[in-house]
Amino acid sequence: MKREKKQEQRGVTPLQNDFTRAAEIEGARKKAHHTRLYRRLAVFGLVVLLTSIWLGSTIYAQSQTIAGKEQQYEEKLVQLEEVEKQQAKLEEQIRLLNDDDYLSKLARKDYFLSDDGEIIFTLPNEDEKSTEDGEE
């Protein structure tokens, strides 16, 4: 219709035969095909964009989780080393406590126990002397 009005304004009368009608129908069909094609491409592009955003966010979240787990792993390794040192000290203490000579020295030193006929004299430690001298 618009085309006919434009052509009438220019003074050109369009031909109304089967060929022109078929050409107009073919042109309209091609235009509709291009419109549908662009719509399909837009939807496909949107799907690709959303999928790439989803994949990117998933990868980012997983990398954050991995970083957190690695930090926890390092903390646990430090704790393990501390526990192993403590275990070694306790094993050494168990070994010493199973030794009778060590037990007798410990009992004499800490609990002022003595053997038969033995007299215990306690002397101030050097550390105690230095702190007493520093206070005066």
Foldseek 3Di string as FASTA:
>chain_A
DVVQVVCVVVVHHDDPDPVVVVVVVVVVVVVVVVVVVVVVVVVVVVVVVVVVVVVVVVVVVVVVVVVVVVVVVVVVVVVVVVVVVVVVVVVVVVVLVVDPVSVVVCCCVPVVDDDPPDDDDDDDDPVVVVVVVVVD
